[in-house]
Structures are given as C-alpha cells and as structure tokens.
N, C-alpha and C. Protein backbone atom coordinates (compact mmCIF):
# COMPACT_ATOMS: atom_id res chain seq x y z
N UNK A 1 0.93 -1.02 -0.10
CA UNK A 1 0.17 0.06 0.10
C UNK A 1 0.81 1.25 0.25
N UNK A 2 0.58 2.13 -0.77
CA UNK A 2 1.15 3.40 -1.10
C UNK A 2 1.08 4.19 0.20
N UNK A 3 1.74 5.40 0.32
CA UNK A 3 1.79 6.63 1.71
C UNK A 3 0.45 7.18 0.80
N UNK A 4 0.26 7.21 -0.39
CA UNK A 4 -1.25 8.46 -0.25
C UNK A 4 -2.44 7.45 -0.22
N UNK A 5 -2.37 6.16 -0.76
CA UNK A 5 -3.38 5.20 -0.25
C UNK A 5 -3.72 5.16 1.07
N UNK A 6 -2.26 4.96 2.16
CA UNK A 6 -2.47 5.15 3.57
C UNK A 6 -3.13 6.07 3.83
N UNK A 7 -2.66 7.47 3.42
CA UNK A 7 -3.35 8.67 4.01
C UNK A 7 -4.80 8.92 3.67
N UNK A 8 -5.30 8.55 3.07
CA UNK A 8 -6.82 8.61 2.38
C UNK A 8 -7.27 7.59 3.07
N UNK A 9 -7.17 6.26 3.16
CA UNK A 9 -8.08 5.51 4.50
C UNK A 9 -7.77 6.20 5.84
N UNK A 10 -6.62 6.63 6.10
CA UNK A 10 -6.37 7.42 7.70
C UNK A 10 -7.31 8.69 7.70
N UNK A 11 -7.59 9.38 6.58
CA UNK A 11 -8.52 10.55 6.73
C UNK A 11 -9.89 10.12 6.86
N UNK A 12 -10.23 9.14 6.19
CA UNK A 12 -11.38 8.61 5.83
C UNK A 12 -12.07 8.05 7.06
N UNK A 13 -11.14 6.99 7.70
CA UNK A 13 -11.50 6.68 8.81
C UNK A 13 -11.90 7.70 10.27
N UNK A 14 -10.91 9.03 10.01
CA UNK A 14 -11.05 9.93 10.95
C UNK A 14 -12.24 10.60 10.60
N UNK A 15 -12.44 10.92 9.36
CA UNK A 15 -13.99 11.92 9.37
C UNK A 15 -15.14 11.44 9.24
N UNK A 16 -15.00 10.08 8.53
CA UNK A 16 -16.06 9.29 8.80
C UNK A 16 -16.86 9.88 7.75
N UNK A 17 -18.07 8.95 7.04
CA UNK A 17 -18.58 9.22 5.73
C UNK A 17 -19.77 10.45 6.06
N UNK A 18 -20.13 10.97 7.11
CA UNK A 18 -21.04 12.11 7.51
C UNK A 18 -19.93 13.43 7.45
N UNK A 19 -19.00 13.40 8.12
CA UNK A 19 -17.90 14.43 8.08
C UNK A 19 -17.73 14.90 6.85
N UNK A 20 -17.25 13.84 5.91
CA UNK A 20 -16.87 14.12 4.54
C UNK A 20 -18.13 15.00 4.06
N UNK A 21 -19.16 14.15 4.13
CA UNK A 21 -20.35 15.22 3.36
C UNK A 21 -20.37 16.41 3.71
N UNK A 22 -20.17 16.75 4.94
CA UNK A 22 -20.49 17.89 5.62
C UNK A 22 -19.81 19.07 4.82
N UNK A 23 -18.37 18.60 4.83
CA UNK A 23 -17.14 19.26 4.56
C UNK A 23 -17.70 19.61 3.09
N UNK A 24 -17.97 18.88 2.23
CA UNK A 24 -18.31 19.57 1.14
C UNK A 24 -19.26 19.96 0.90
N UNK A 25 -20.60 20.21 1.75
CA UNK A 25 -21.70 20.72 1.70
C UNK A 25 -21.31 22.20 2.10
N UNK A 26 -20.65 22.39 2.99
CA UNK A 26 -19.55 23.77 3.92
C UNK A 26 -19.12 24.72 2.29
N UNK A 27 -18.22 23.61 1.61
CA UNK A 27 -17.14 24.04 0.73
C UNK A 27 -18.32 25.03 -0.50
N UNK A 28 -19.22 24.09 -0.38
CA UNK A 28 -20.57 24.61 -1.63
C UNK A 28 -21.37 25.94 -1.05
N UNK A 29 -21.46 26.33 0.05
CA UNK A 29 -22.36 26.98 0.63
C UNK A 29 -21.45 28.40 0.75
N UNK A 30 -19.97 28.35 1.17
CA UNK A 30 -19.04 29.10 1.71
C UNK A 30 -19.52 30.35 0.76
N UNK A 31 -19.13 30.07 -0.60
CA UNK A 31 -19.11 31.13 -1.86
C UNK A 31 -20.39 31.77 -1.82
N UNK A 32 -21.35 31.50 -1.58
CA UNK A 32 -22.92 32.03 -1.85
C UNK A 32 -22.75 32.79 -0.34
N UNK A 33 -22.29 32.42 0.80
CA UNK A 33 -22.73 33.11 2.06
C UNK A 33 -21.64 34.13 1.95
N UNK A 34 -20.54 33.99 1.33
CA UNK A 34 -19.89 35.16 1.37
C UNK A 34 -20.42 36.61 0.35
N UNK A 35 -21.01 36.13 -0.82
CA UNK A 35 -21.59 36.89 -1.47
C UNK A 35 -22.75 37.82 -0.70
N UNK A 36 -23.36 36.88 -0.11
CA UNK A 36 -24.51 37.93 0.67
C UNK A 36 -24.00 38.71 1.48
N UNK A 37 -23.16 38.47 2.28
CA UNK A 37 -22.45 39.24 3.25
C UNK A 37 -21.85 40.32 2.70
N UNK A 38 -20.69 40.28 1.58
CA UNK A 38 -20.54 41.30 1.23
C UNK A 38 -21.16 42.37 0.34
N UNK A 39 -22.39 41.81 0.21
CA UNK A 39 -23.52 42.49 -0.73
C UNK A 39 -24.12 43.04 0.13
N UNK A 40 -24.55 42.48 1.64
CA UNK A 40 -25.35 43.55 2.54
C UNK A 40 -24.43 44.60 2.78
N UNK A 41 -22.92 44.33 2.79
CA UNK A 41 -22.17 45.31 3.21
C UNK A 41 -21.78 46.59 2.39
N UNK A 42 -21.73 45.98 1.25
CA UNK A 42 -21.56 47.10 -0.30
C UNK A 42 -22.71 47.95 0.11
N UNK A 43 -24.00 47.25 -0.33
CA UNK A 43 -25.05 47.95 -0.49
C UNK A 43 -25.27 48.88 0.90
N UNK A 44 -25.53 48.55 2.08
CA UNK A 44 -25.33 49.37 2.95
C UNK A 44 -24.91 50.60 3.02
N UNK A 45 -23.45 50.31 2.95
CA UNK A 45 -22.43 51.41 2.97
C UNK A 45 -22.96 52.33 1.64
N UNK A 46 -23.37 52.05 0.86
CA UNK A 46 -23.50 52.97 -0.45
C UNK A 46 -25.00 53.62 -0.10
N UNK A 47 -25.75 53.19 0.52
CA UNK A 47 -26.77 53.59 1.15
C UNK A 47 -26.35 54.78 2.12
N UNK A 48 -25.70 54.36 2.97
CA UNK A 48 -25.57 55.13 4.50
C UNK A 48 -24.40 56.92 3.64
N UNK A 49 -23.71 56.26 2.56
CA UNK A 49 -22.86 57.40 1.86
C UNK A 49 -24.17 58.32 1.19
N UNK A 50 -24.74 57.48 0.40
CA UNK A 50 -26.09 58.25 -0.31
C UNK A 50 -26.89 59.20 0.85
N UNK A 51 -27.20 58.91 1.47
CA UNK A 51 -27.60 59.43 3.03
C UNK A 51 -26.78 60.75 3.25
N UNK A 52 -25.54 60.86 3.46
CA UNK A 52 -24.61 61.69 4.08
C UNK A 52 -24.50 62.72 3.02
N UNK A 53 -24.14 62.51 1.44
CA UNK A 53 -24.13 62.97 0.62
C UNK A 53 -25.48 64.50 0.37
N UNK A 54 -26.66 63.56 0.20
CA UNK A 54 -27.88 64.21 0.40
C UNK A 54 -27.95 65.22 1.96
N UNK A 55 -27.53 64.77 2.81
CA UNK A 55 -27.98 65.77 3.95
C UNK A 55 -26.83 67.27 4.07
N UNK A 56 -25.89 66.67 2.93
CA UNK A 56 -24.66 67.65 2.74
C UNK A 56 -25.11 68.84 2.03
N UNK A 57 -25.87 68.21 0.68
CA UNK A 57 -26.08 68.83 -0.73
C UNK A 57 -27.34 69.71 0.22
N UNK A 58 -28.05 69.49 0.90
CA UNK A 58 -29.38 69.79 1.53
C UNK A 58 -28.74 71.44 2.36
N UNK A 59 -27.38 71.08 3.67
CA UNK A 59 -26.81 72.14 3.98
C UNK A 59 -26.73 73.58 2.97
N UNK A 60 -26.20 72.86 2.02
CA UNK A 60 -25.14 73.81 0.91
C UNK A 60 -26.70 74.69 0.38
N UNK A 61 -27.36 73.96 0.14
CA UNK A 61 -28.80 74.59 -0.63
C UNK A 61 -29.58 75.34 0.35
N UNK A 62 -29.55 75.17 1.52
CA UNK A 62 -30.07 76.07 2.21
C UNK A 62 -29.50 77.65 2.49
N UNK A 63 -27.95 77.28 2.03
CA UNK A 63 -27.12 78.80 2.30
C UNK A 63 -27.44 79.47 0.77
N UNK A 64 -27.40 78.80 -0.48
CA UNK A 64 -27.47 79.66 -1.26
C UNK A 64 -28.71 80.34 -1.77
N UNK A 65 -29.95 79.31 -1.46
CA UNK A 65 -31.41 79.81 -1.66
C UNK A 65 -31.64 81.17 -0.91
N UNK A 66 -30.97 81.02 -0.06
CA UNK A 66 -31.44 82.47 1.56
C UNK A 66 -30.89 83.63 1.42
N UNK A 67 -30.00 83.93 0.19
CA UNK A 67 -29.01 84.90 0.56
C UNK A 67 -28.76 85.65 -0.93
N UNK A 68 -28.83 86.35 -1.72
CA UNK A 68 -28.80 87.01 -2.61
C UNK A 68 -26.90 86.94 -3.03
N UNK A 69 -26.82 86.95 -4.22
CA UNK A 69 -25.42 86.49 -4.56
C UNK A 69 -24.68 88.25 -4.69
N UNK A 70 -23.95 88.22 -3.74
CA UNK A 70 -23.45 89.57 -3.76
C UNK A 70 -21.97 88.78 -3.18
N UNK A 71 -21.11 89.59 -3.53
CA UNK A 71 -19.65 89.31 -2.84
C UNK A 71 -19.86 89.94 -1.81
N UNK A 72 -19.65 89.80 -0.47
CA UNK A 72 -19.67 90.50 0.59
C UNK A 72 -18.26 90.33 1.02
N UNK A 73 -17.12 90.89 0.20
CA UNK A 73 -15.93 91.27 0.52
C UNK A 73 -15.33 90.14 1.10
N UNK A 74 -15.52 89.24 0.34
CA UNK A 74 -14.78 87.80 0.78
C UNK A 74 -13.21 87.29 0.42
N UNK A 75 -12.86 88.65 -0.48
CA UNK A 75 -11.55 88.81 -1.07
C UNK A 75 -11.13 87.61 -1.92
N UNK A 76 -12.19 87.24 -2.62
CA UNK A 76 -11.66 86.57 -4.04
C UNK A 76 -13.30 86.68 -4.70
N UNK A 77 -13.00 85.99 -6.03
CA UNK A 77 -14.10 86.06 -7.08
C UNK A 77 -15.59 85.19 -6.56
N UNK A 78 -15.38 84.31 -5.94
CA UNK A 78 -16.37 83.67 -5.29
C UNK A 78 -17.36 84.34 -4.71
N UNK A 79 -18.76 84.51 -4.94
CA UNK A 79 -19.60 84.86 -4.05
C UNK A 79 -19.52 84.51 -2.86
N UNK A 80 -19.74 85.12 -1.56
CA UNK A 80 -19.82 84.61 -0.39
C UNK A 80 -20.85 83.73 0.07
N UNK A 81 -21.96 83.98 -0.66
CA UNK A 81 -23.21 82.75 -0.41
C UNK A 81 -22.74 81.49 -1.15
N UNK A 82 -21.85 81.38 -1.87
CA UNK A 82 -21.52 79.93 -2.68
C UNK A 82 -20.50 79.67 -1.81
N UNK A 83 -19.46 80.31 -1.54
CA UNK A 83 -18.22 80.00 -0.81
C UNK A 83 -18.61 79.35 0.51
N UNK A 84 -19.80 79.85 1.50
CA UNK A 84 -20.27 79.57 2.71
C UNK A 84 -21.00 78.12 2.21
N UNK A 85 -21.60 78.41 1.21
CA UNK A 85 -22.41 77.10 0.96
C UNK A 85 -21.45 75.61 0.84
N UNK A 86 -20.50 75.78 0.05
CA UNK A 86 -19.27 74.92 -0.40
C UNK A 86 -18.65 74.27 0.87
N UNK A 87 -18.30 75.35 2.13
CA UNK A 87 -17.74 75.17 2.84
C UNK A 87 -18.81 74.62 3.85
N UNK A 88 -19.84 74.87 4.20
CA UNK A 88 -21.14 73.81 4.87
C UNK A 88 -20.83 72.58 4.49
N UNK A 89 -20.64 72.07 2.88
CA UNK A 89 -21.12 71.14 2.40
C UNK A 89 -19.82 69.77 2.99
N UNK A 90 -18.42 70.65 2.99
CA UNK A 90 -17.38 70.21 3.23
C UNK A 90 -17.33 69.88 4.88
N UNK A 91 -17.93 70.74 5.62
CA UNK A 91 -17.71 70.75 6.90
C UNK A 91 -18.78 69.69 7.37
N UNK A 92 -20.17 69.52 6.99
CA UNK A 92 -20.88 68.40 7.28
C UNK A 92 -20.19 67.01 6.82
N UNK A 93 -19.76 66.91 5.96
CA UNK A 93 -18.82 65.57 5.20
C UNK A 93 -17.46 65.15 5.95
N UNK A 94 -17.14 66.24 6.36
CA UNK A 94 -16.27 65.90 7.30
C UNK A 94 -16.33 65.54 8.40
N UNK A 95 -17.30 65.80 9.16
CA UNK A 95 -18.14 65.52 10.63
C UNK A 95 -18.64 64.00 10.14
N UNK A 96 -19.17 63.58 9.05
CA UNK A 96 -19.65 62.13 8.97
C UNK A 96 -18.39 61.76 8.42
N UNK A 97 -17.09 61.84 8.56
CA UNK A 97 -16.19 60.99 8.03
C UNK A 97 -15.89 60.85 6.66
N UNK A 98 -16.33 61.55 5.74
CA UNK A 98 -16.36 61.56 4.38
C UNK A 98 -15.12 62.42 4.04
N UNK A 99 -13.97 61.69 3.21
CA UNK A 99 -13.01 62.87 2.85
C UNK A 99 -13.22 63.63 1.60
N UNK A 100 -13.00 64.54 1.74
CA UNK A 100 -13.41 65.82 1.10
C UNK A 100 -12.49 66.96 1.26
N UNK A 101 -11.33 66.76 1.46
CA UNK A 101 -10.15 68.16 1.66
C UNK A 101 -9.80 68.18 0.52
N UNK A 102 -9.97 67.88 -0.90
CA UNK A 102 -9.45 68.42 -1.93
C UNK A 102 -10.41 69.43 -2.07
N UNK A 103 -11.51 69.50 -1.86
CA UNK A 103 -12.53 70.87 -1.97
C UNK A 103 -12.10 72.23 -1.30
N UNK A 104 -11.61 73.13 -1.81
CA UNK A 104 -11.56 74.44 -1.67
C UNK A 104 -12.38 75.34 -1.58
N UNK A 105 -13.22 75.67 -0.76
CA UNK A 105 -14.56 76.51 -1.03
C UNK A 105 -14.42 77.63 -1.34
N UNK A 106 -13.08 78.54 -1.26
CA UNK A 106 -12.69 79.54 -2.06
C UNK A 106 -12.54 79.73 -3.44
N UNK A 107 -12.27 78.18 -4.30
CA UNK A 107 -11.48 78.21 -5.20
C UNK A 107 -12.14 77.38 -6.28
N UNK A 108 -13.54 77.30 -6.63
CA UNK A 108 -14.04 76.61 -7.59
C UNK A 108 -13.10 75.71 -8.73
N UNK A 109 -13.41 74.88 -9.47
CA UNK A 109 -12.57 74.59 -10.36
C UNK A 109 -12.96 75.36 -11.61
N UNK A 110 -14.46 75.42 -12.18
CA UNK A 110 -14.86 75.82 -13.28
C UNK A 110 -16.03 76.70 -12.38
N UNK A 111 -16.12 77.86 -13.22
CA UNK A 111 -17.71 78.71 -13.37
C UNK A 111 -18.24 78.83 -14.72
N UNK A 112 -19.34 78.48 -14.72
CA UNK A 112 -19.91 78.75 -15.85
C UNK A 112 -20.17 80.08 -16.54
N UNK A 113 -19.61 80.28 -17.71
CA UNK A 113 -19.80 81.80 -18.25
C UNK A 113 -21.31 82.05 -18.61
N UNK A 114 -22.23 81.24 -18.31
CA UNK A 114 -23.34 81.58 -18.74
C UNK A 114 -24.29 81.21 -17.64
N UNK A 115 -25.10 81.57 -16.94
CA UNK A 115 -25.86 81.07 -15.88
C UNK A 115 -25.21 81.66 -14.67
N UNK A 116 -25.56 80.75 -13.11
CA UNK A 116 -25.04 81.05 -12.28
C UNK A 116 -24.81 79.78 -11.54
N UNK A 117 -23.57 79.01 -11.76
CA UNK A 117 -23.09 77.85 -11.72
C UNK A 117 -21.47 77.41 -11.04
N UNK A 118 -21.01 77.15 -10.41
CA UNK A 118 -19.50 76.54 -9.75
C UNK A 118 -20.20 75.18 -9.38
N UNK A 119 -18.22 74.57 -10.12
CA UNK A 119 -18.10 73.64 -10.07
C UNK A 119 -16.78 73.32 -9.38
N UNK A 120 -16.83 72.23 -8.36
CA UNK A 120 -15.29 71.97 -7.54
C UNK A 120 -15.12 69.97 -7.95
N UNK A 121 -13.85 69.83 -8.75
CA UNK A 121 -13.97 68.72 -8.94
C UNK A 121 -12.29 68.22 -8.21
N UNK A 122 -12.15 66.89 -8.14
CA UNK A 122 -11.13 66.06 -7.25
C UNK A 122 -10.55 65.07 -8.32
N UNK A 123 -9.24 64.67 -7.96
CA UNK A 123 -8.61 63.90 -8.91
C UNK A 123 -9.34 62.50 -8.54
N UNK A 124 -9.78 62.29 -7.80
CA UNK A 124 -10.40 60.76 -7.34
C UNK A 124 -12.20 60.70 -7.52
N UNK A 125 -12.47 61.60 -8.20
CA UNK A 125 -13.81 61.60 -9.29
C UNK A 125 -14.69 62.36 -7.94
N UNK A 126 -14.73 62.97 -6.96
CA UNK A 126 -15.29 63.63 -6.05
C UNK A 126 -15.42 65.20 -6.59
N UNK A 127 -16.91 65.37 -6.95
CA UNK A 127 -17.24 66.36 -7.81
C UNK A 127 -18.70 67.35 -7.00
N UNK A 128 -18.34 68.51 -6.78
CA UNK A 128 -19.31 69.19 -5.92
C UNK A 128 -19.81 70.76 -7.19
N UNK A 129 -21.23 70.40 -7.18
CA UNK A 129 -21.58 71.26 -8.29
C UNK A 129 -22.79 72.14 -7.69
N UNK A 130 -22.69 73.56 -7.88
CA UNK A 130 -23.50 74.74 -7.20
C UNK A 130 -24.59 75.27 -8.49
N UNK A 131 -25.82 75.01 -8.84
CA UNK A 131 -26.51 75.59 -9.83
C UNK A 131 -27.51 76.02 -9.34
N UNK A 132 -27.24 77.84 -9.40
CA UNK A 132 -28.15 78.54 -8.65
C UNK A 132 -29.45 79.36 -9.95
N UNK A 133 -28.98 78.96 -10.98
CA UNK A 133 -29.84 79.35 -12.45
C UNK A 133 -30.95 78.22 -12.89
N UNK A 134 -31.32 77.12 -12.06
CA UNK A 134 -31.92 76.26 -12.05
C UNK A 134 -33.44 76.62 -11.85
N UNK A 135 -34.71 75.70 -12.39
CA UNK A 135 -35.98 76.03 -11.91
C UNK A 135 -36.50 75.10 -11.58
N UNK A 136 -37.48 75.02 -11.15
CA UNK A 136 -38.55 73.88 -10.76
C UNK A 136 -39.88 73.97 -11.18
N UNK A 137 -40.79 73.01 -11.45
CA UNK A 137 -42.22 73.62 -12.27
C UNK A 137 -42.89 73.07 -10.93
N UNK A 138 -43.95 74.33 -10.69
CA UNK A 138 -44.89 74.05 -9.67
C UNK A 138 -46.05 74.77 -10.35
N UNK A 139 -47.01 73.47 -10.86
CA UNK A 139 -48.20 73.90 -11.27
C UNK A 139 -48.09 74.14 -13.23
N UNK A 140 -48.04 75.51 -13.44
CA UNK A 140 -47.67 75.58 -14.40
C UNK A 140 -46.73 76.92 -14.65
N UNK A 141 -46.35 77.26 -13.71
CA UNK A 141 -44.93 78.37 -13.42
C UNK A 141 -43.85 77.42 -13.24
N UNK A 142 -42.93 78.17 -13.94
CA UNK A 142 -41.10 77.72 -13.21
C UNK A 142 -40.69 78.62 -12.30
N UNK A 143 -40.43 78.01 -11.09
CA UNK A 143 -39.83 78.89 -10.05
C UNK A 143 -38.56 78.78 -9.92
N UNK A 144 -37.66 80.00 -9.89
CA UNK A 144 -36.14 80.08 -9.57
C UNK A 144 -36.05 79.01 -8.83
N UNK A 145 -34.65 78.09 -8.72
CA UNK A 145 -34.15 77.27 -7.60
C UNK A 145 -33.22 77.42 -7.76
N UNK A 146 -32.46 76.36 -6.72
CA UNK A 146 -30.98 75.71 -6.70
C UNK A 146 -31.03 74.53 -6.65
N UNK A 147 -29.78 73.89 -7.27
CA UNK A 147 -29.60 72.47 -7.16
C UNK A 147 -28.24 72.12 -6.84
N UNK A 148 -27.99 71.41 -5.60
CA UNK A 148 -26.70 71.30 -5.27
C UNK A 148 -26.41 69.39 -5.59
N UNK A 149 -25.24 69.47 -6.37
CA UNK A 149 -24.82 67.94 -6.83
C UNK A 149 -23.65 67.50 -6.00
N UNK A 150 -23.73 66.34 -5.87
CA UNK A 150 -22.36 65.59 -5.07
C UNK A 150 -22.39 64.62 -5.78
N UNK A 151 -21.06 63.98 -6.01
CA UNK A 151 -20.63 62.95 -6.49
C UNK A 151 -19.22 62.46 -5.96
N UNK A 152 -19.69 61.31 -5.52
CA UNK A 152 -18.29 60.47 -4.46
C UNK A 152 -18.11 59.40 -5.14
N UNK A 153 -16.66 59.21 -4.71
CA UNK A 153 -16.36 57.75 -5.15
C UNK A 153 -16.87 56.49 -4.38
N UNK A 154 -16.78 55.80 -5.12
CA UNK A 154 -17.62 54.12 -4.41
C UNK A 154 -16.61 52.93 -4.39
N UNK A 155 -16.36 52.34 -3.54
CA UNK A 155 -15.46 51.17 -3.48
C UNK A 155 -16.36 50.10 -3.14
N UNK A 156 -16.52 48.98 -4.27
CA UNK A 156 -16.84 47.72 -3.68
C UNK A 156 -16.13 46.30 -3.51
N UNK A 157 -16.55 45.80 -2.50
CA UNK A 157 -15.90 44.61 -1.99
C UNK A 157 -15.97 43.57 -3.11
N UNK A 158 -17.34 43.28 -3.37
CA UNK A 158 -17.93 42.73 -4.06
C UNK A 158 -17.08 42.42 -5.38
N UNK A 159 -16.41 43.42 -5.59
CA UNK A 159 -15.87 43.34 -6.82
C UNK A 159 -14.37 42.38 -7.29
N UNK A 160 -14.08 41.91 -5.88
CA UNK A 160 -12.87 41.52 -5.88
C UNK A 160 -13.21 39.65 -5.75
N UNK A 161 -14.58 39.31 -5.81
CA UNK A 161 -15.17 37.91 -6.04
C UNK A 161 -15.86 38.05 -7.23
N UNK A 162 -15.94 39.07 -7.75
CA UNK A 162 -16.99 39.04 -9.33
C UNK A 162 -16.42 40.31 -10.04
N UNK A 163 -14.93 39.91 -10.55
CA UNK A 163 -14.19 40.73 -10.73
C UNK A 163 -14.58 40.98 -12.32
N UNK A 164 -15.75 40.27 -13.16
CA UNK A 164 -16.10 40.52 -14.11
C UNK A 164 -17.47 41.12 -14.42
N UNK A 165 -17.96 41.72 -13.14
CA UNK A 165 -19.32 42.26 -13.08
C UNK A 165 -19.08 43.82 -12.95
N UNK A 166 -19.75 44.79 -13.75
CA UNK A 166 -19.84 46.06 -13.56
C UNK A 166 -20.21 46.46 -12.63
N UNK A 167 -19.21 47.25 -11.83
CA UNK A 167 -20.52 48.21 -10.74
C UNK A 167 -19.76 49.54 -10.90
N UNK A 168 -20.69 50.52 -10.49
CA UNK A 168 -20.90 52.01 -10.27
C UNK A 168 -19.90 52.28 -9.69
N UNK A 169 -19.27 53.22 -10.28
CA UNK A 169 -17.88 53.73 -9.20
C UNK A 169 -18.30 54.93 -8.90
N UNK A 170 -19.52 55.40 -8.73
CA UNK A 170 -19.70 56.87 -7.89
C UNK A 170 -21.00 56.51 -7.02
N UNK A 171 -21.50 57.49 -6.36
CA UNK A 171 -22.80 57.59 -5.64
C UNK A 171 -22.87 59.38 -6.06
N UNK A 172 -23.73 59.50 -6.84
CA UNK A 172 -24.38 61.00 -6.62
C UNK A 172 -25.55 61.16 -6.42
N UNK A 173 -25.96 62.38 -5.91
CA UNK A 173 -27.22 62.87 -5.15
C UNK A 173 -27.07 64.33 -5.36
N UNK A 174 -28.57 64.82 -5.63
CA UNK A 174 -28.98 66.48 -6.04
C UNK A 174 -30.13 66.67 -5.17
N UNK A 175 -29.98 67.66 -4.47
CA UNK A 175 -30.84 68.41 -3.93
C UNK A 175 -30.87 69.72 -4.14
N UNK A 176 -32.54 69.79 -4.48
CA UNK A 176 -33.26 71.03 -5.18
C UNK A 176 -34.20 71.83 -4.20
N UNK A 177 -33.53 72.88 -4.40
CA UNK A 177 -34.18 74.06 -3.27
C UNK A 177 -34.78 75.45 -4.19
N UNK A 178 -36.47 75.86 -3.57
CA UNK A 178 -36.49 77.05 -4.23
C UNK A 178 -35.97 78.25 -3.79
N UNK A 179 -35.19 78.79 -4.70
CA UNK A 179 -34.66 80.25 -4.45
C UNK A 179 -35.47 81.07 -3.22
N UNK A 180 -34.89 81.76 -2.35
CA UNK A 180 -35.79 82.45 -1.59
C UNK A 180 -35.51 83.81 -1.62
N UNK A 181 -34.38 84.12 -2.24
CA UNK A 181 -34.11 85.53 -2.43
C UNK A 181 -35.14 86.81 -3.04
N UNK A 182 -35.51 87.72 -2.52
CA UNK A 182 -36.23 88.48 -2.87
C UNK A 182 -37.70 88.15 -2.17
N UNK A 183 -37.85 87.29 -0.90
CA UNK A 183 -38.95 87.09 -0.49
C UNK A 183 -38.98 88.42 1.02
N UNK A 184 -39.89 87.58 2.00
CA UNK A 184 -39.94 88.71 3.17
C UNK A 184 -39.08 88.03 3.99
N UNK A 185 -38.26 87.02 3.95
CA UNK A 185 -37.13 86.73 5.13
C UNK A 185 -36.15 87.79 5.05
N UNK A 186 -35.35 87.86 6.40
CA UNK A 186 -34.40 88.73 6.58
C UNK A 186 -33.51 88.38 5.95
N UNK A 187 -32.60 89.27 5.11
CA UNK A 187 -31.33 89.05 4.81
C UNK A 187 -29.96 89.16 5.55
N UNK A 188 -29.19 88.94 5.67
CA UNK A 188 -27.92 89.05 6.15
C UNK A 188 -27.48 90.42 5.57
N UNK A 189 -26.31 91.12 6.86
CA UNK A 189 -25.97 92.73 6.06
C UNK A 189 -24.98 92.79 4.94
N UNK A 190 -24.73 93.51 4.39
CA UNK A 190 -23.80 93.65 3.22
C UNK A 190 -22.22 93.68 3.60
N UNK A 191 -22.19 93.51 4.76
CA UNK A 191 -20.71 93.12 5.32
C UNK A 191 -20.50 91.62 6.25
N UNK A 192 -21.46 91.02 5.72
CA UNK A 192 -21.49 89.29 6.24
C UNK A 192 -20.54 88.51 5.38
N UNK A 193 -19.86 87.63 6.38
CA UNK A 193 -19.11 86.87 5.69
C UNK A 193 -19.75 85.29 5.55
N UNK A 194 -18.88 84.46 4.90
CA UNK A 194 -19.68 83.24 4.84
C UNK A 194 -19.85 82.59 6.35
N UNK A 195 -19.12 82.77 7.18
CA UNK A 195 -19.51 82.17 8.79
C UNK A 195 -20.71 82.84 9.16
N UNK A 196 -20.84 84.09 8.77
CA UNK A 196 -22.41 84.66 9.10
C UNK A 196 -23.42 84.14 8.46
N UNK A 197 -23.30 83.79 7.07
CA UNK A 197 -23.84 83.40 6.33
C UNK A 197 -24.50 82.20 6.84
N UNK A 198 -23.65 81.06 7.06
CA UNK A 198 -24.07 79.89 7.54
C UNK A 198 -24.80 79.97 8.86
N UNK A 199 -24.85 81.12 9.64
CA UNK A 199 -25.43 80.99 10.84
C UNK A 199 -26.67 81.43 10.45
N UNK A 200 -26.91 82.65 9.52
CA UNK A 200 -28.31 83.23 9.10
C UNK A 200 -29.03 81.99 8.18
N UNK A 201 -28.54 81.02 7.43
CA UNK A 201 -29.10 79.99 6.59
C UNK A 201 -29.97 79.13 7.68
N UNK A 202 -29.02 78.63 8.92
CA UNK A 202 -29.65 77.88 9.70
C UNK A 202 -30.82 78.31 10.21
N UNK A 203 -30.79 79.84 10.54
CA UNK A 203 -32.06 80.32 10.86
C UNK A 203 -33.83 80.05 10.27
N UNK A 204 -33.48 79.68 8.88
CA UNK A 204 -34.17 79.60 7.83
C UNK A 204 -34.88 78.15 7.92
N UNK A 205 -34.01 77.39 8.18
CA UNK A 205 -34.31 75.90 8.11
C UNK A 205 -35.60 75.78 8.39
N UNK A 206 -36.15 75.97 9.36
CA UNK A 206 -37.54 75.62 9.67
C UNK A 206 -38.66 75.74 8.72
N UNK A 207 -38.66 77.19 8.23
CA UNK A 207 -39.55 77.60 7.21
C UNK A 207 -39.34 77.26 6.15
N UNK A 208 -38.11 76.68 5.59
CA UNK A 208 -37.54 76.04 4.43
C UNK A 208 -38.11 74.55 4.13
N UNK A 209 -38.20 74.16 5.80
CA UNK A 209 -38.91 72.46 5.45
C UNK A 209 -40.45 72.62 5.43
N UNK A 210 -40.77 73.75 5.98
CA UNK A 210 -42.77 73.75 5.88
C UNK A 210 -42.59 73.55 4.44
N UNK A 211 -42.07 74.71 3.81
CA UNK A 211 -42.38 75.00 1.92
C UNK A 211 -42.32 73.97 1.03
N UNK A 212 -41.30 72.93 1.93
CA UNK A 212 -40.51 71.76 0.68
C UNK A 212 -41.57 70.39 1.56
N UNK A 213 -42.37 70.47 2.27
CA UNK A 213 -42.60 69.21 2.51
C UNK A 213 -43.63 68.76 1.64
C-alpha cells in the first residue's frame, strides 16, 4: 500500500462518511454566503454614503437660496453665499467621516460663463456642483431654484469576488430647493462673511422645510 492510499484511508476513518459530506456541503455554500455578506455590507455602505451626501447637499442649498448673490468682501471672485455653501458641505461631510479635503470652497474648479453655476472637481472623482440658475415646475409656473449636486467615489468589496461584473464607481445625489432671495425673509447685512451666512441660513431651516414638505 502506498503512502497516498494509506493517507486517504486514515483520513476517511477519521472523518467518517457524514463528516466528509458536511465538509463538501460547507465548501459549496461558503461562496454564496460570502456573496450575501459582502453584498449586504456594500449596499448598506452605499446607502449610508448617499444619505450623507444628500444631507450635505441640503445644507449647502439652504445657504444659497436664502441669500442674494453679492460678494460680501470675501477677498476672492467667488460670491460669499457660494463659498459659504461649499464650506457648509465640506464641514458636514468631514464630520460624517467622508474625505473631501480636496475641495477648496474659495476656489471652484470651473465657473459657468452663462448662468450661475460653480463646480469643484477632485482627481479621485469627487465633484460638487452648485447651480443657482435652475428652476422647478410648480403648477404651470417655473420657479427659480438652486440645485446642489454631489458625486463621490464608491469602492465595492464584491468586485474582488466578481471581477467581471460592472459596478457603479460613484454615488451621485442632487438636492433642489426654491430660491428664497427677494422674499420677506430677513437677509444678512452687506458686510457679512461666509461664517455669518452659515449661521443666518440655519435660522431659516424650519421655514424652508415647511415649504418643501
């Protein structure tokens, strides 16, 4: 009897017929179990990320819609409300443990030559877009509105198990809010800076929420 045959017989006596079958069944089920666990993990993480992005976009939109586009001596070409909105987005995401240090609120990557639109772009795929020249349809009337759009890269753990499957590489969310400028709401003074605008916009939170329920 060869050593290989002897090893097989010894292993068979040790495991027994039922133990060998259980190992086989476990080996068949394990890949499916890993797919389920990683799938729940990935989709849960992507949903949580989208919620954070949506909340951050809403915080930025509140500032833009509640203040006129006037440069309140911020020291650069970006209007203070836009800079304050971008700063609010960055602050919210930073507190939510979302890395956005590549976004400099005072220095947008591109500024639209037509309309009121500012975009910040990062090399990793992160983008922040503030469009104050949008509109929403209410009945038969278009109402001036602001759209804040955020895109963030997403890593799928499932991709390691399913390399040939195509997964979305980013998560994108957009929040639209009616422009409040020109309404009866109070506006900040002409010498207000980004920090003052952030505090002022938070005072409008409940009134804006009532309008957009």
